């Protein structure tokens, strides 16, 4: 099993999907963000002050949600893949405006689509975002 963890080509695919999602956050591209979440009742998103169960609830929440800061910066991003169809992305984030706050974001990604789909079929099936005071 060890050789199936963090295969370079799978890490590269998931990193590209995650980068696409992050750029959509900065651009407030709701369509791309929605396309990168699995459209299923089992999908869960725990936000800073909100919770959504199911793809439809995430899409309904996302439409009027304010965009993230254009100054968003990622720190200590860790991508781990298991096999060719499952992985996690954990990162911390901050922005130049609110230096006293540190955000944390974890996503579980699964390839539920085809490699010819957007992001090679990778979709977020679970996400958690939280804030803490910087130390």
N, C-alpha and C. Protein backbone atom coordinates (compact mmCIF):
# COMPACT_ATOMS: atom_id res chain seq x y z
N UNK A 1 0.81 -1.20 0.00
CA UNK A 1 0.00 0.00 0.00
C UNK A 1 0.85 1.26 0.00
N UNK A 2 2.04 1.24 0.59
CA UNK A 2 2.87 2.44 0.70
C UNK A 2 3.15 3.06 -0.66
N UNK A 3 3.31 2.25 -1.68
CA UNK A 3 3.62 2.81 -3.00
C UNK A 3 2.41 3.51 -3.62
N UNK A 4 1.22 3.29 -3.07
CA UNK A 4 0.01 3.93 -3.58
C UNK A 4 -0.25 5.28 -2.90
N UNK A 5 0.53 5.62 -1.89
CA UNK A 5 0.35 6.89 -1.21
C UNK A 5 1.25 7.93 -1.89
N UNK A 6 0.64 9.06 -2.25
CA UNK A 6 1.37 10.20 -2.82
C UNK A 6 2.12 9.89 -4.11
N UNK A 7 1.46 9.17 -5.00
CA UNK A 7 2.05 8.98 -6.33
C UNK A 7 2.18 10.36 -6.98
N UNK A 8 3.32 10.69 -7.53
CA UNK A 8 3.55 12.04 -8.05
C UNK A 8 2.51 12.52 -9.07
N UNK A 9 2.06 11.65 -9.96
CA UNK A 9 1.09 12.08 -10.96
C UNK A 9 -0.27 12.37 -10.33
N UNK A 10 -0.65 11.62 -9.29
CA UNK A 10 -1.93 11.85 -8.62
C UNK A 10 -1.85 13.12 -7.77
N UNK A 11 -0.72 13.32 -7.09
CA UNK A 11 -0.52 14.56 -6.34
C UNK A 11 -0.65 15.76 -7.29
N UNK A 12 -0.03 15.68 -8.45
CA UNK A 12 -0.09 16.79 -9.42
C UNK A 12 -1.52 17.06 -9.87
N UNK A 13 -2.30 16.02 -10.11
CA UNK A 13 -3.70 16.19 -10.50
C UNK A 13 -4.50 16.87 -9.40
N UNK A 14 -4.35 16.38 -8.17
CA UNK A 14 -5.11 16.95 -7.07
C UNK A 14 -4.66 18.38 -6.77
N UNK A 15 -3.38 18.64 -6.87
CA UNK A 15 -2.89 20.00 -6.67
C UNK A 15 -3.48 20.95 -7.71
N UNK A 16 -3.59 20.49 -8.95
CA UNK A 16 -4.20 21.31 -10.01
C UNK A 16 -5.68 21.57 -9.72
N UNK A 17 -6.39 20.56 -9.24
CA UNK A 17 -7.81 20.74 -8.90
C UNK A 17 -7.95 21.72 -7.74
N UNK A 18 -7.13 21.57 -6.72
CA UNK A 18 -7.16 22.47 -5.56
C UNK A 18 -6.82 23.90 -5.99
N UNK A 19 -5.83 24.06 -6.83
CA UNK A 19 -5.44 25.39 -7.33
C UNK A 19 -6.59 26.01 -8.12
N UNK A 20 -7.28 25.20 -8.90
CA UNK A 20 -8.44 25.69 -9.65
C UNK A 20 -9.52 26.20 -8.69
N UNK A 21 -9.76 25.44 -7.61
CA UNK A 21 -10.75 25.86 -6.62
C UNK A 21 -10.32 27.15 -5.94
N UNK A 22 -9.08 27.25 -5.54
CA UNK A 22 -8.58 28.46 -4.87
C UNK A 22 -8.70 29.68 -5.79
N UNK A 23 -8.39 29.50 -7.07
CA UNK A 23 -8.51 30.63 -8.00
C UNK A 23 -9.98 31.03 -8.17
N UNK A 24 -10.87 30.05 -8.18
CA UNK A 24 -12.30 30.35 -8.26
C UNK A 24 -12.76 31.11 -7.02
N UNK A 25 -12.21 30.77 -5.84
CA UNK A 25 -12.53 31.52 -4.63
C UNK A 25 -12.14 32.98 -4.77
N UNK A 26 -10.91 33.22 -5.21
CA UNK A 26 -10.41 34.59 -5.36
C UNK A 26 -11.23 35.35 -6.40
N UNK A 27 -11.57 34.67 -7.51
CA UNK A 27 -12.32 35.30 -8.60
C UNK A 27 -13.82 35.36 -8.32
N UNK A 28 -14.25 34.74 -7.24
CA UNK A 28 -15.68 34.57 -6.91
C UNK A 28 -16.42 33.93 -8.08
N UNK A 29 -15.79 32.92 -8.66
CA UNK A 29 -16.38 32.18 -9.79
C UNK A 29 -17.24 31.05 -9.22
N UNK A 30 -18.48 31.39 -8.91
CA UNK A 30 -19.40 30.47 -8.26
C UNK A 30 -19.62 29.22 -9.11
N UNK A 31 -19.67 29.37 -10.41
CA UNK A 31 -19.90 28.22 -11.29
C UNK A 31 -18.79 27.18 -11.12
N UNK A 32 -17.54 27.62 -11.15
CA UNK A 32 -16.43 26.67 -11.00
C UNK A 32 -16.41 26.08 -9.60
N UNK A 33 -16.62 26.91 -8.57
CA UNK A 33 -16.65 26.38 -7.20
C UNK A 33 -17.71 25.29 -7.08
N UNK A 34 -18.90 25.55 -7.63
CA UNK A 34 -19.98 24.55 -7.56
C UNK A 34 -19.62 23.29 -8.33
N UNK A 35 -18.99 23.45 -9.48
CA UNK A 35 -18.62 22.28 -10.28
C UNK A 35 -17.58 21.41 -9.57
N UNK A 36 -16.79 22.02 -8.67
CA UNK A 36 -15.76 21.27 -7.98
C UNK A 36 -16.26 20.61 -6.70
N UNK A 37 -17.49 20.88 -6.30
CA UNK A 37 -18.12 20.15 -5.20
C UNK A 37 -18.97 19.03 -5.78
N UNK A 38 -18.95 17.87 -5.16
CA UNK A 38 -19.76 16.75 -5.59
C UNK A 38 -21.22 17.09 -5.38
N UNK A 39 -22.01 16.92 -6.40
CA UNK A 39 -23.44 17.24 -6.33
C UNK A 39 -24.20 16.01 -5.82
N UNK A 40 -24.12 15.81 -4.51
CA UNK A 40 -24.76 14.64 -3.91
C UNK A 40 -25.21 14.98 -2.50
N UNK A 41 -26.25 14.31 -2.00
CA UNK A 41 -26.74 14.57 -0.65
C UNK A 41 -25.69 14.27 0.43
N UNK A 42 -24.72 13.42 0.13
CA UNK A 42 -23.71 13.04 1.11
C UNK A 42 -22.60 14.08 1.28
N UNK A 43 -22.55 15.07 0.41
CA UNK A 43 -21.51 16.09 0.49
C UNK A 43 -21.79 17.00 1.68
N UNK A 44 -20.72 17.31 2.44
CA UNK A 44 -20.85 18.14 3.65
C UNK A 44 -19.84 19.27 3.59
N UNK A 45 -20.30 20.47 3.97
CA UNK A 45 -19.40 21.62 4.10
C UNK A 45 -19.68 22.31 5.42
N UNK A 46 -18.66 22.32 6.30
CA UNK A 46 -18.73 23.06 7.55
C UNK A 46 -17.96 24.35 7.34
N UNK A 47 -18.67 25.48 7.34
CA UNK A 47 -18.04 26.77 7.14
C UNK A 47 -17.71 27.43 8.46
N UNK A 48 -17.26 28.66 8.38
CA UNK A 48 -16.89 29.41 9.58
C UNK A 48 -18.11 29.65 10.47
N UNK A 49 -19.23 30.02 9.88
CA UNK A 49 -20.44 30.30 10.66
C UNK A 49 -21.66 29.66 10.01
N UNK A 50 -21.44 28.58 9.27
CA UNK A 50 -22.53 27.97 8.52
C UNK A 50 -22.24 26.49 8.30
N UNK A 51 -23.29 25.74 7.98
CA UNK A 51 -23.18 24.31 7.71
C UNK A 51 -24.10 23.98 6.54
N UNK A 52 -23.59 23.21 5.60
CA UNK A 52 -24.43 22.74 4.50
C UNK A 52 -24.29 21.22 4.38
N UNK A 53 -25.44 20.58 4.21
CA UNK A 53 -25.49 19.15 3.94
C UNK A 53 -26.06 18.96 2.55
N UNK A 54 -25.27 18.41 1.66
CA UNK A 54 -25.71 18.15 0.30
C UNK A 54 -25.25 19.22 -0.68
N UNK A 55 -25.01 18.78 -1.90
CA UNK A 55 -24.56 19.69 -2.94
C UNK A 55 -25.51 20.85 -3.17
N UNK A 56 -26.80 20.58 -3.18
CA UNK A 56 -27.78 21.65 -3.42
C UNK A 56 -27.71 22.73 -2.35
N UNK A 57 -27.56 22.33 -1.09
CA UNK A 57 -27.46 23.31 -0.01
C UNK A 57 -26.18 24.14 -0.15
N UNK A 58 -25.11 23.51 -0.58
CA UNK A 58 -23.86 24.25 -0.80
C UNK A 58 -24.05 25.27 -1.91
N UNK A 59 -24.69 24.87 -3.00
CA UNK A 59 -24.89 25.79 -4.14
C UNK A 59 -25.78 26.96 -3.72
N UNK A 60 -26.84 26.67 -2.95
CA UNK A 60 -27.74 27.74 -2.49
C UNK A 60 -27.02 28.71 -1.56
N UNK A 61 -26.14 28.19 -0.71
CA UNK A 61 -25.38 29.05 0.19
C UNK A 61 -24.36 29.87 -0.58
N UNK A 62 -23.71 29.26 -1.54
CA UNK A 62 -22.60 29.89 -2.26
C UNK A 62 -23.05 31.10 -3.09
N UNK A 63 -24.22 31.03 -3.70
CA UNK A 63 -24.66 32.09 -4.62
C UNK A 63 -24.59 33.49 -4.00
N UNK A 64 -25.14 33.73 -2.80
CA UNK A 64 -25.07 35.08 -2.25
C UNK A 64 -23.88 35.31 -1.31
N UNK A 65 -23.05 34.28 -1.11
CA UNK A 65 -21.94 34.40 -0.15
C UNK A 65 -20.94 35.45 -0.63
N UNK A 66 -20.38 36.22 0.29
CA UNK A 66 -19.39 37.22 -0.10
C UNK A 66 -18.11 36.55 -0.57
N UNK A 67 -17.40 37.18 -1.48
CA UNK A 67 -16.14 36.59 -1.95
C UNK A 67 -15.07 36.64 -0.86
N UNK A 68 -14.07 35.80 -0.98
CA UNK A 68 -12.95 35.84 -0.05
C UNK A 68 -12.06 37.02 -0.42
N UNK A 69 -11.19 37.40 0.49
CA UNK A 69 -10.28 38.52 0.26
C UNK A 69 -9.35 38.23 -0.92
N UNK A 70 -9.14 39.25 -1.72
CA UNK A 70 -8.19 39.10 -2.83
C UNK A 70 -6.76 38.99 -2.31
N UNK A 71 -6.58 39.27 -1.02
CA UNK A 71 -5.26 39.19 -0.40
C UNK A 71 -5.02 37.83 0.26
N UNK A 72 -5.91 36.89 0.04
CA UNK A 72 -5.80 35.56 0.64
C UNK A 72 -4.45 34.94 0.28
N UNK A 73 -3.78 34.40 1.30
CA UNK A 73 -2.51 33.71 1.11
C UNK A 73 -2.59 32.36 1.81
N UNK A 74 -2.07 31.35 1.16
CA UNK A 74 -2.06 30.00 1.73
C UNK A 74 -0.72 29.72 2.40
N UNK A 75 -0.77 28.92 3.46
CA UNK A 75 0.43 28.55 4.20
C UNK A 75 0.34 27.08 4.57
N UNK A 76 1.45 26.40 4.52
CA UNK A 76 1.56 25.03 5.02
C UNK A 76 0.52 24.09 4.39
N UNK A 77 0.35 24.18 3.09
CA UNK A 77 -0.59 23.31 2.39
C UNK A 77 -0.01 21.89 2.32
N UNK A 78 -0.82 20.92 2.72
CA UNK A 78 -0.42 19.51 2.68
C UNK A 78 -1.43 18.76 1.83
N UNK A 79 -0.93 18.13 0.78
CA UNK A 79 -1.77 17.30 -0.10
C UNK A 79 -1.32 15.86 0.09
N UNK A 80 -2.29 14.99 0.36
CA UNK A 80 -1.99 13.58 0.54
C UNK A 80 -2.97 12.78 -0.31
N UNK A 81 -2.46 11.86 -1.09
CA UNK A 81 -3.34 11.02 -1.91
C UNK A 81 -3.16 9.55 -1.52
N UNK A 82 -4.24 8.82 -1.69
CA UNK A 82 -4.27 7.39 -1.38
C UNK A 82 -4.83 6.71 -2.62
N UNK A 83 -4.02 5.91 -3.29
CA UNK A 83 -4.44 5.33 -4.55
C UNK A 83 -4.52 6.43 -5.60
N UNK A 84 -5.41 6.25 -6.59
CA UNK A 84 -5.51 7.23 -7.67
C UNK A 84 -6.79 8.06 -7.62
N UNK A 85 -7.68 7.79 -6.66
CA UNK A 85 -8.98 8.44 -6.66
C UNK A 85 -9.39 9.09 -5.34
N UNK A 86 -8.48 9.19 -4.36
CA UNK A 86 -8.84 9.74 -3.05
C UNK A 86 -7.69 10.56 -2.51
N UNK A 87 -8.04 11.74 -1.95
CA UNK A 87 -6.99 12.55 -1.35
C UNK A 87 -7.56 13.62 -0.43
N UNK A 88 -6.66 14.21 0.34
CA UNK A 88 -7.04 15.30 1.23
C UNK A 88 -6.12 16.49 0.98
N UNK A 89 -6.68 17.68 1.23
CA UNK A 89 -5.89 18.90 1.17
C UNK A 89 -6.16 19.68 2.44
N UNK A 90 -5.10 19.99 3.16
CA UNK A 90 -5.19 20.78 4.38
C UNK A 90 -4.32 22.01 4.19
N UNK A 91 -4.84 23.17 4.58
CA UNK A 91 -4.05 24.38 4.43
C UNK A 91 -4.45 25.40 5.49
N UNK A 92 -3.57 26.32 5.74
CA UNK A 92 -3.87 27.48 6.55
C UNK A 92 -3.95 28.66 5.59
N UNK A 93 -4.73 29.67 5.96
CA UNK A 93 -4.81 30.86 5.11
C UNK A 93 -4.87 32.11 5.96
N UNK A 94 -4.44 33.20 5.34
CA UNK A 94 -4.48 34.51 5.98
C UNK A 94 -4.64 35.54 4.87
N UNK A 95 -4.78 36.80 5.31
CA UNK A 95 -4.76 37.89 4.33
C UNK A 95 -4.05 39.08 4.95
N UNK A 96 -3.64 40.02 4.13
CA UNK A 96 -2.88 41.18 4.60
C UNK A 96 -3.71 42.10 5.48
N UNK A 97 -5.02 42.01 5.41
CA UNK A 97 -5.89 42.93 6.13
C UNK A 97 -6.08 42.49 7.58
N UNK A 98 -6.37 41.20 7.81
CA UNK A 98 -6.66 40.70 9.14
C UNK A 98 -5.52 39.81 9.64
N UNK A 99 -4.44 40.42 10.01
CA UNK A 99 -3.25 39.64 10.40
C UNK A 99 -3.44 38.87 11.70
N UNK A 100 -4.41 39.24 12.52
CA UNK A 100 -4.60 38.56 13.80
C UNK A 100 -5.41 37.27 13.67
N UNK A 101 -5.92 37.00 12.49
CA UNK A 101 -6.76 35.82 12.28
C UNK A 101 -6.07 34.85 11.32
N UNK A 102 -6.10 33.59 11.69
CA UNK A 102 -5.57 32.53 10.83
C UNK A 102 -6.72 31.59 10.49
N UNK A 103 -6.87 31.28 9.23
CA UNK A 103 -7.90 30.34 8.81
C UNK A 103 -7.30 28.96 8.56
N UNK A 104 -8.16 27.97 8.72
CA UNK A 104 -7.77 26.59 8.43
C UNK A 104 -8.82 25.98 7.53
N UNK A 105 -8.36 25.22 6.57
CA UNK A 105 -9.27 24.64 5.59
C UNK A 105 -8.83 23.21 5.31
N UNK A 106 -9.79 22.30 5.40
CA UNK A 106 -9.53 20.90 5.04
C UNK A 106 -10.57 20.45 4.03
N UNK A 107 -10.11 19.75 3.04
CA UNK A 107 -11.01 19.23 2.01
C UNK A 107 -10.68 17.76 1.75
N UNK A 108 -11.72 16.99 1.56
CA UNK A 108 -11.59 15.61 1.12
C UNK A 108 -12.02 15.57 -0.34
N UNK A 109 -11.15 15.09 -1.19
CA UNK A 109 -11.40 15.03 -2.63
C UNK A 109 -11.47 13.57 -3.07
N UNK A 110 -12.41 13.30 -3.97
CA UNK A 110 -12.55 11.96 -4.55
C UNK A 110 -12.76 12.12 -6.05
N UNK A 111 -12.13 11.25 -6.80
CA UNK A 111 -12.38 11.27 -8.25
C UNK A 111 -13.69 10.51 -8.48
N UNK A 112 -14.76 11.25 -8.69
CA UNK A 112 -16.06 10.64 -8.93
C UNK A 112 -16.48 10.80 -10.39
N UNK A 113 -15.70 11.54 -11.13
CA UNK A 113 -15.98 11.74 -12.55
C UNK A 113 -14.91 11.09 -13.40
N UNK A 114 -14.96 11.44 -14.66
CA UNK A 114 -14.01 10.91 -15.63
C UNK A 114 -12.78 11.81 -15.70
N UNK A 115 -11.67 11.25 -16.14
CA UNK A 115 -10.45 12.06 -16.31
C UNK A 115 -10.64 13.11 -17.40
N UNK A 116 -11.68 13.01 -18.19
CA UNK A 116 -11.94 14.03 -19.21
C UNK A 116 -12.83 15.15 -18.68
N UNK A 117 -13.33 15.00 -17.45
CA UNK A 117 -14.15 16.04 -16.82
C UNK A 117 -13.26 17.16 -16.29
N UNK A 118 -13.90 18.25 -15.86
CA UNK A 118 -13.20 19.34 -15.20
C UNK A 118 -12.37 18.78 -14.05
N UNK A 119 -11.13 19.23 -13.93
CA UNK A 119 -10.23 18.81 -12.85
C UNK A 119 -10.00 17.31 -12.83
N UNK A 120 -9.99 16.68 -13.99
CA UNK A 120 -9.77 15.24 -14.10
C UNK A 120 -10.74 14.41 -13.27
N UNK A 121 -11.95 14.96 -13.05
CA UNK A 121 -12.98 14.23 -12.32
C UNK A 121 -12.92 14.37 -10.81
N UNK A 122 -11.95 15.13 -10.28
CA UNK A 122 -11.84 15.33 -8.83
C UNK A 122 -12.95 16.23 -8.34
N UNK A 123 -13.57 15.86 -7.20
CA UNK A 123 -14.63 16.65 -6.58
C UNK A 123 -14.40 16.70 -5.07
N UNK A 124 -14.78 17.81 -4.47
CA UNK A 124 -14.74 17.93 -3.02
C UNK A 124 -15.99 17.23 -2.48
N UNK A 125 -15.79 16.28 -1.58
CA UNK A 125 -16.92 15.56 -0.99
C UNK A 125 -17.15 15.97 0.46
N UNK A 126 -16.17 16.61 1.07
CA UNK A 126 -16.30 17.12 2.43
C UNK A 126 -15.31 18.27 2.61
N UNK A 127 -15.75 19.32 3.30
CA UNK A 127 -14.89 20.49 3.53
C UNK A 127 -15.18 21.05 4.91
N UNK A 128 -14.13 21.62 5.50
CA UNK A 128 -14.26 22.25 6.81
C UNK A 128 -13.36 23.49 6.82
N UNK A 129 -13.96 24.62 7.19
CA UNK A 129 -13.23 25.88 7.27
C UNK A 129 -13.43 26.44 8.68
N UNK A 130 -12.35 26.90 9.29
CA UNK A 130 -12.47 27.51 10.62
C UNK A 130 -11.45 28.64 10.75
N UNK A 131 -11.67 29.47 11.75
CA UNK A 131 -10.76 30.58 12.05
C UNK A 131 -10.25 30.44 13.47
N UNK A 132 -9.05 30.93 13.68
CA UNK A 132 -8.46 30.97 15.00
C UNK A 132 -7.60 32.23 15.09
N UNK A 133 -7.29 32.65 16.28
CA UNK A 133 -6.42 33.80 16.46
C UNK A 133 -4.98 33.39 16.15
N UNK A 134 -4.26 34.25 15.43
CA UNK A 134 -2.84 33.96 15.13
C UNK A 134 -2.03 34.08 16.41
N UNK A 135 -0.96 33.31 16.45
CA UNK A 135 -0.08 33.36 17.63
C UNK A 135 1.21 34.04 17.28
